[in-house]
Amino acid sequence: MKTDQLTAVVAETVLGWVGVALSEHGIRYATLFHHSREAVLGELAAFGAGERPDRRAEEVAEFLRGYAAGEPVSLDDYPVDLPPCTEARRQIWLALREIPRGETRSYGWLARRVGRPTAARAIGAAVGANPIPLWLPCHRVVASDGALHGFGGGLAMKQALLELEGALPRRLPARREF
């Protein structure tokens, strides 16, 4: 069985270094923001992605730079190519794209949306395993009382992303510590 060759695309943004692993069909994996290019490349290499020429690389890098700068770019419109997963995870991950920028939804909402209304904890586990953060916006999922919980990049990054998108008011000063 032939495996896809994944291309690593890395961009420096105002929030730090970030990257994606592109398959021929779209984004297969993505990182959150890191302090160094090497950290992003290491994470992408763990998914089997390597740096190589790709005609889509600059477009994806521009999406990432624009997003981090707070521009109204829609990452939700860029194609994703989910890695092999269960049908339940596929439904959960794709349902994340239904949460509009500037809004949040609860784990309970997500559970109901995918037809598993009593499975909020299982939904949380699937959200935590999201392979394409930002593009499948798991940071937009919050507790039923609106509190921020569980995010692979840490709660400070989750809050910063929600502020960036307008779902939360911006803190002052605007210094980011994540």
C-alpha atoms as a PDB file:
ATOM      1  CA  MET A   1       0.000   0.000   0.000  1.00  0.00           C
ATOM      2  CA  LYS A   2       1.437   3.358  -1.043  1.00  0.00           C
ATOM      3  CA  THR A   3       1.329   6.093   1.572  1.00  0.00           C
ATOM      4  CA  ASP A   4       0.823   9.742   0.720  1.00  0.00           C
ATOM      5  CA  GLN A   5       3.846  11.953   0.531  1.00  0.00           C
ATOM      6  CA  LEU A   6       3.158  14.815   2.918  1.00  0.00           C
ATOM      7  CA  THR A   7       4.648  18.259   2.388  1.00  0.00           C
ATOM      8  CA  ALA A   8       5.570  20.375   5.401  1.00  0.00           C
ATOM      9  CA  VAL A   9       4.631  24.049   5.102  1.00  0.00           C
ATOM     10  CA  VAL A  10       5.932  26.325   7.861  1.00  0.00           C
ATOM     11  CA  ALA A  11       5.171  30.012   8.361  1.00  0.00           C
ATOM     12  CA  GLU A  12       6.398  32.635  10.787  1.00  0.00           C
ATOM     13  CA  THR A  13       3.501  34.708  12.112  1.00  0.00           C
ATOM     14  CA  VAL A  14       2.985  37.398  14.718  1.00  0.00           C
ATOM     15  CA  LEU A  15       1.908  34.623  17.120  1.00  0.00           C
ATOM     16  CA  GLY A  16       4.913  32.398  16.426  1.00  0.00           C
ATOM     17  CA  TRP A  17       5.812  29.585  14.063  1.00  0.00           C
ATOM     18  CA  VAL A  18       3.039  27.341  12.743  1.00  0.00           C
ATOM     19  CA  GLY A  19       2.743  24.699  10.067  1.00  0.00           C
ATOM     20  CA  VAL A  20       0.733  22.123   8.185  1.00  0.00           C
ATOM     21  CA  ALA A  21       1.324  18.797   6.489  1.00  0.00           C
ATOM     22  CA  LEU A  22      -0.260  18.795   3.039  1.00  0.00           C
ATOM     23  CA  SER A  23      -1.417  15.678   1.216  1.00  0.00           C
ATOM     24  CA  GLU A  24      -2.437  15.860  -2.417  1.00  0.00           C
ATOM     25  CA  HIS A  25      -6.043  16.414  -1.236  1.00  0.00           C
ATOM     26  CA  GLY A  26      -5.599  19.063   1.458  1.00  0.00           C
ATOM     27  CA  ILE A  27      -4.305  19.595   4.968  1.00  0.00           C
ATOM     28  CA  ARG A  28      -3.746  16.287   6.766  1.00  0.00           C
ATOM     29  CA  TYR A  29      -2.133  17.580   9.973  1.00  0.00           C
ATOM     30  CA  ALA A  30      -1.472  20.994  11.500  1.00  0.00           C
ATOM     31  CA  THR A  31       0.449  22.415  14.421  1.00  0.00           C
ATOM     32  CA  LEU A  32      -0.408  25.133  16.832  1.00  0.00           C
ATOM     33  CA  PHE A  33       1.935  28.076  17.379  1.00  0.00           C
ATOM     34  CA  HIS A  34       5.493  27.355  18.534  1.00  0.00           C
ATOM     35  CA  HIS A  35       8.522  29.451  19.490  1.00  0.00           C
ATOM     36  CA  SER A  36      10.743  28.046  16.736  1.00  0.00           C
ATOM     37  CA  ARG A  37      10.664  26.809  13.174  1.00  0.00           C
ATOM     38  CA  GLU A  38      12.515  23.684  14.288  1.00  0.00           C
ATOM     39  CA  ALA A  39       9.749  22.788  16.768  1.00  0.00           C
ATOM     40  CA  VAL A  40       7.143  23.004  14.010  1.00  0.00           C
ATOM     41  CA  LEU A  41       9.253  20.985  11.580  1.00  0.00           C
ATOM     42  CA  GLY A  42       9.824  18.350  14.275  1.00  0.00           C
ATOM     43  CA  GLU A  43       6.107  17.995  14.925  1.00  0.00           C
ATOM     44  CA  LEU A  44       5.332  17.776  11.211  1.00  0.00           C
ATOM     45  CA  ALA A  45       8.149  15.238  10.684  1.00  0.00           C
ATOM     46  CA  ALA A  46       6.493  13.037  13.314  1.00  0.00           C
ATOM     47  CA  PHE A  47       3.497  12.905  10.956  1.00  0.00           C
ATOM     48  CA  GLY A  48       5.762  11.957   8.053  1.00  0.00           C
ATOM     49  CA  ALA A  49       5.879  15.396   6.419  1.00  0.00           C
ATOM     50  CA  GLY A  50       9.024  16.812   4.882  1.00  0.00           C
ATOM     51  CA  GLU A  51       9.923  20.077   3.225  1.00  0.00           C
ATOM     52  CA  ARG A  52       9.582  19.869  -0.546  1.00  0.00           C
ATOM     53  CA  PRO A  53       8.271  22.152  -3.271  1.00  0.00           C
ATOM     54  CA  ASP A  54       4.488  22.442  -3.437  1.00  0.00           C
ATOM     55  CA  ARG A  55       2.510  24.950  -5.474  1.00  0.00           C
ATOM     56  CA  ARG A  56       0.058  25.433  -2.570  1.00  0.00           C
ATOM     57  CA  ALA A  57       2.678  26.257   0.058  1.00  0.00           C
ATOM     58  CA  GLU A  58       2.661  30.040  -0.253  1.00  0.00           C
ATOM     59  CA  GLU A  59      -1.142  30.194  -0.287  1.00  0.00           C
ATOM     60  CA  VAL A  60      -1.318  28.162   2.931  1.00  0.00           C
ATOM     61  CA  ALA A  61       1.458  30.247   4.526  1.00  0.00           C
ATOM     62  CA  GLU A  62      -0.467  33.430   3.645  1.00  0.00           C
ATOM     63  CA  PHE A  63      -3.641  31.982   5.204  1.00  0.00           C
ATOM     64  CA  LEU A  64      -1.693  31.317   8.402  1.00  0.00           C
ATOM     65  CA  ARG A  65      -0.006  34.723   8.512  1.00  0.00           C
ATOM     66  CA  GLY A  66      -3.318  36.480   7.850  1.00  0.00           C
ATOM     67  CA  TYR A  67      -5.149  34.452  10.470  1.00  0.00           C
ATOM     68  CA  ALA A  68      -2.510  35.160  13.131  1.00  0.00           C
ATOM     69  CA  ALA A  69      -2.616  38.874  12.286  1.00  0.00           C
ATOM     70  CA  GLY A  70      -6.366  38.922  12.936  1.00  0.00           C
ATOM     71  CA  GLU A  71      -7.369  39.323   9.297  1.00  0.00           C
ATOM     72  CA  PRO A  72     -10.775  37.878   8.377  1.00  0.00           C
ATOM     73  CA  VAL A  73      -9.350  34.900   6.489  1.00  0.00           C
ATOM     74  CA  SER A  74     -11.530  31.816   6.453  1.00  0.00           C
ATOM     75  CA  LEU A  75      -9.463  28.756   7.259  1.00  0.00           C
ATOM     76  CA  ASP A  76     -12.727  26.826   7.212  1.00  0.00           C
ATOM     77  CA  ASP A  77     -12.849  27.057   3.418  1.00  0.00           C
ATOM     78  CA  TYR A  78      -9.480  25.403   2.800  1.00  0.00           C
ATOM     79  CA  PRO A  79      -9.727  21.654   2.081  1.00  0.00           C
ATOM     80  CA  VAL A  80      -8.748  19.211   4.785  1.00  0.00           C
ATOM     81  CA  ASP A  81      -7.823  15.576   4.254  1.00  0.00           C
ATOM     82  CA  LEU A  82      -8.500  13.742   7.491  1.00  0.00           C
ATOM     83  CA  PRO A  83      -6.138  10.948   8.451  1.00  0.00           C
ATOM     84  CA  PRO A  84      -7.639   7.470   8.886  1.00  0.00           C
ATOM     85  CA  CYS A  85     -10.110   7.534  11.783  1.00  0.00           C
ATOM     86  CA  THR A  86     -13.428   6.131  12.953  1.00  0.00           C
ATOM     87  CA  GLU A  87     -16.628   7.452  11.427  1.00  0.00           C
ATOM     88  CA  ALA A  88     -17.548   8.968  14.808  1.00  0.00           C
ATOM     89  CA  ARG A  89     -14.296  10.956  14.959  1.00  0.00           C
ATOM     90  CA  ARG A  90     -14.739  12.037  11.352  1.00  0.00           C
ATOM     91  CA  GLN A  91     -18.205  13.415  12.139  1.00  0.00           C
ATOM     92  CA  ILE A  92     -16.971  15.207  15.256  1.00  0.00           C
ATOM     93  CA  TRP A  93     -13.937  16.738  13.565  1.00  0.00           C
ATOM     94  CA  LEU A  94     -15.918  17.949  10.560  1.00  0.00           C
ATOM     95  CA  ALA A  95     -18.655  19.359  12.825  1.00  0.00           C
ATOM     96  CA  LEU A  96     -16.007  21.667  14.319  1.00  0.00           C
ATOM     97  CA  ARG A  97     -15.980  23.504  10.989  1.00  0.00           C
ATOM     98  CA  GLU A  98     -19.635  24.442  11.569  1.00  0.00           C
ATOM     99  CA  ILE A  99     -18.707  26.693  14.497  1.00  0.00           C
ATOM    100  CA  PRO A 100     -18.400  30.185  13.005  1.00  0.00           C
ATOM    101  CA  ARG A 101     -15.396  32.382  13.638  1.00  0.00           C
ATOM    102  CA  GLY A 102     -16.135  34.716  16.521  1.00  0.00           C
ATOM    103  CA  GLU A 103     -18.438  32.206  18.228  1.00  0.00           C
ATOM    104  CA  THR A 104     -18.093  29.274  20.590  1.00  0.00           C
ATOM    105  CA  ARG A 105     -20.110  26.122  21.203  1.00  0.00           C
ATOM    106  CA  SER A 106     -20.203  23.712  24.116  1.00  0.00           C
ATOM    107  CA  TYR A 107     -19.100  20.101  24.145  1.00  0.00           C
ATOM    108  CA  GLY A 108     -22.787  19.294  24.712  1.00  0.00           C
ATOM    109  CA  TRP A 109     -23.768  21.202  21.566  1.00  0.00           C
ATOM    110  CA  LEU A 110     -21.167  19.259  19.600  1.00  0.00           C
ATOM    111  CA  ALA A 111     -22.434  15.966  21.063  1.00  0.00           C
ATOM    112  CA  ARG A 112     -25.997  16.797  20.008  1.00  0.00           C
ATOM    113  CA  ARG A 113     -24.827  18.007  16.600  1.00  0.00           C
ATOM    114  CA  VAL A 114     -23.282  14.616  15.787  1.00  0.00           C
ATOM    115  CA  GLY A 115     -26.221  12.665  17.219  1.00  0.00           C
ATOM    116  CA  ARG A 116     -24.550  11.526  20.447  1.00  0.00           C
ATOM    117  CA  PRO A 117     -26.247  13.778  23.038  1.00  0.00           C
ATOM    118  CA  THR A 118     -25.094  11.811  26.095  1.00  0.00           C
ATOM    119  CA  ALA A 119     -21.478  11.447  24.969  1.00  0.00           C
ATOM    120  CA  ALA A 120     -19.991  14.847  25.860  1.00  0.00           C
ATOM    121  CA  ARG A 121     -16.898  13.234  27.453  1.00  0.00           C
ATOM    122  CA  ALA A 122     -16.249  11.061  24.401  1.00  0.00           C
ATOM    123  CA  ILE A 123     -16.719  14.167  22.285  1.00  0.00           C
ATOM    124  CA  GLY A 124     -14.106  15.920  24.430  1.00  0.00           C
ATOM    125  CA  ALA A 125     -11.649  13.073  23.851  1.00  0.00           C
ATOM    126  CA  ALA A 126     -12.160  13.263  20.084  1.00  0.00           C
ATOM    127  CA  VAL A 127     -11.771  17.040  20.108  1.00  0.00           C
ATOM    128  CA  GLY A 128      -8.537  16.617  22.070  1.00  0.00           C
ATOM    129  CA  ALA A 129      -7.223  14.285  19.367  1.00  0.00           C
ATOM    130  CA  ASN A 130      -7.937  16.787  16.575  1.00  0.00           C
ATOM    131  CA  PRO A 131      -5.164  16.400  13.970  1.00  0.00           C
ATOM    132  CA  ILE A 132      -5.782  19.748  12.252  1.00  0.00           C
ATOM    133  CA  PRO A 133      -6.161  22.494  14.881  1.00  0.00           C
ATOM    134  CA  LEU A 134      -7.136  25.962  13.599  1.00  0.00           C
ATOM    135  CA  TRP A 135      -8.508  24.424  10.376  1.00  0.00           C
ATOM    136  CA  LEU A 136     -10.834  22.222  12.461  1.00  0.00           C
ATOM    137  CA  PRO A 137     -11.359  24.907  15.122  1.00  0.00           C
ATOM    138  CA  CYS A 138     -11.407  22.908  18.348  1.00  0.00           C
ATOM    139  CA  HIS A 139     -10.454  26.057  20.264  1.00  0.00           C
ATOM    140  CA  ARG A 140     -14.040  27.246  19.716  1.00  0.00           C
ATOM    141  CA  VAL A 141     -15.402  24.465  21.945  1.00  0.00           C
ATOM    142  CA  VAL A 142     -15.927  25.481  25.578  1.00  0.00           C
ATOM    143  CA  ALA A 143     -17.591  24.078  28.691  1.00  0.00           C
ATOM    144  CA  SER A 144     -21.365  24.407  29.033  1.00  0.00           C
ATOM    145  CA  ASP A 145     -20.882  27.366  31.380  1.00  0.00           C
ATOM    146  CA  GLY A 146     -18.582  29.098  28.876  1.00  0.00           C
ATOM    147  CA  ALA A 147     -15.396  28.281  30.767  1.00  0.00           C
ATOM    148  CA  LEU A 148     -12.278  27.400  28.839  1.00  0.00           C
ATOM    149  CA  HIS A 149     -11.185  23.795  29.259  1.00  0.00           C
ATOM    150  CA  GLY A 150      -8.750  21.414  27.630  1.00  0.00           C
ATOM    151  CA  PHE A 151      -6.627  22.639  24.768  1.00  0.00           C
ATOM    152  CA  GLY A 152      -3.422  21.079  23.482  1.00  0.00           C
ATOM    153  CA  GLY A 153      -1.734  24.457  23.189  1.00  0.00           C
ATOM    154  CA  GLY A 154      -2.736  25.486  26.712  1.00  0.00           C
ATOM    155  CA  LEU A 155      -5.564  27.660  27.941  1.00  0.00           C
ATOM    156  CA  ALA A 156      -3.618  30.891  27.356  1.00  0.00           C
ATOM    157  CA  MET A 157      -3.370  30.045  23.654  1.00  0.00           C
ATOM    158  CA  LYS A 158      -7.036  29.039  23.504  1.00  0.00           C
ATOM    159  CA  GLN A 159      -8.008  32.362  25.063  1.00  0.00           C
ATOM    160  CA  ALA A 160      -5.705  34.263  22.691  1.00  0.00           C
ATOM    161  CA  LEU A 161      -7.239  32.542  19.644  1.00  0.00           C
ATOM    162  CA  LEU A 162     -10.783  33.267  20.827  1.00  0.00           C
ATOM    163  CA  GLU A 163      -9.818  36.901  21.445  1.00  0.00           C
ATOM    164  CA  LEU A 164      -8.220  37.075  17.989  1.00  0.00           C
ATOM    165  CA  GLU A 165     -11.448  35.820  16.423  1.00  0.00           C
ATOM    166  CA  GLY A 166     -13.657  38.126  18.493  1.00  0.00           C
ATOM    167  CA  ALA A 167     -15.357  35.411  20.553  1.00  0.00           C
ATOM    168  CA  LEU A 168     -13.885  36.915  23.735  1.00  0.00           C
ATOM    169  CA  PRO A 169     -12.982  40.516  24.543  1.00  0.00           C
ATOM    170  CA  ARG A 170      -9.268  41.260  24.205  1.00  0.00           C
ATOM    171  CA  ARG A 171      -7.214  41.356  27.374  1.00  0.00           C
ATOM    172  CA  LEU A 172      -4.864  44.224  28.042  1.00  0.00           C
ATOM    173  CA  PRO A 173      -1.985  44.273  27.506  1.00  0.00           C
ATOM    174  CA  ALA A 174      -1.983  42.233  24.320  1.00  0.00           C
ATOM    175  CA  ARG A 175       1.193  40.318  25.219  1.00  0.00           C
ATOM    176  CA  ARG A 176       0.963  36.606  24.456  1.00  0.00           C
ATOM    177  CA  GLU A 177       2.500  34.063  26.818  1.00  0.00           C
ATOM    178  CA  PHE A 178       1.968  30.590  25.406  1.00  0.00           C
END
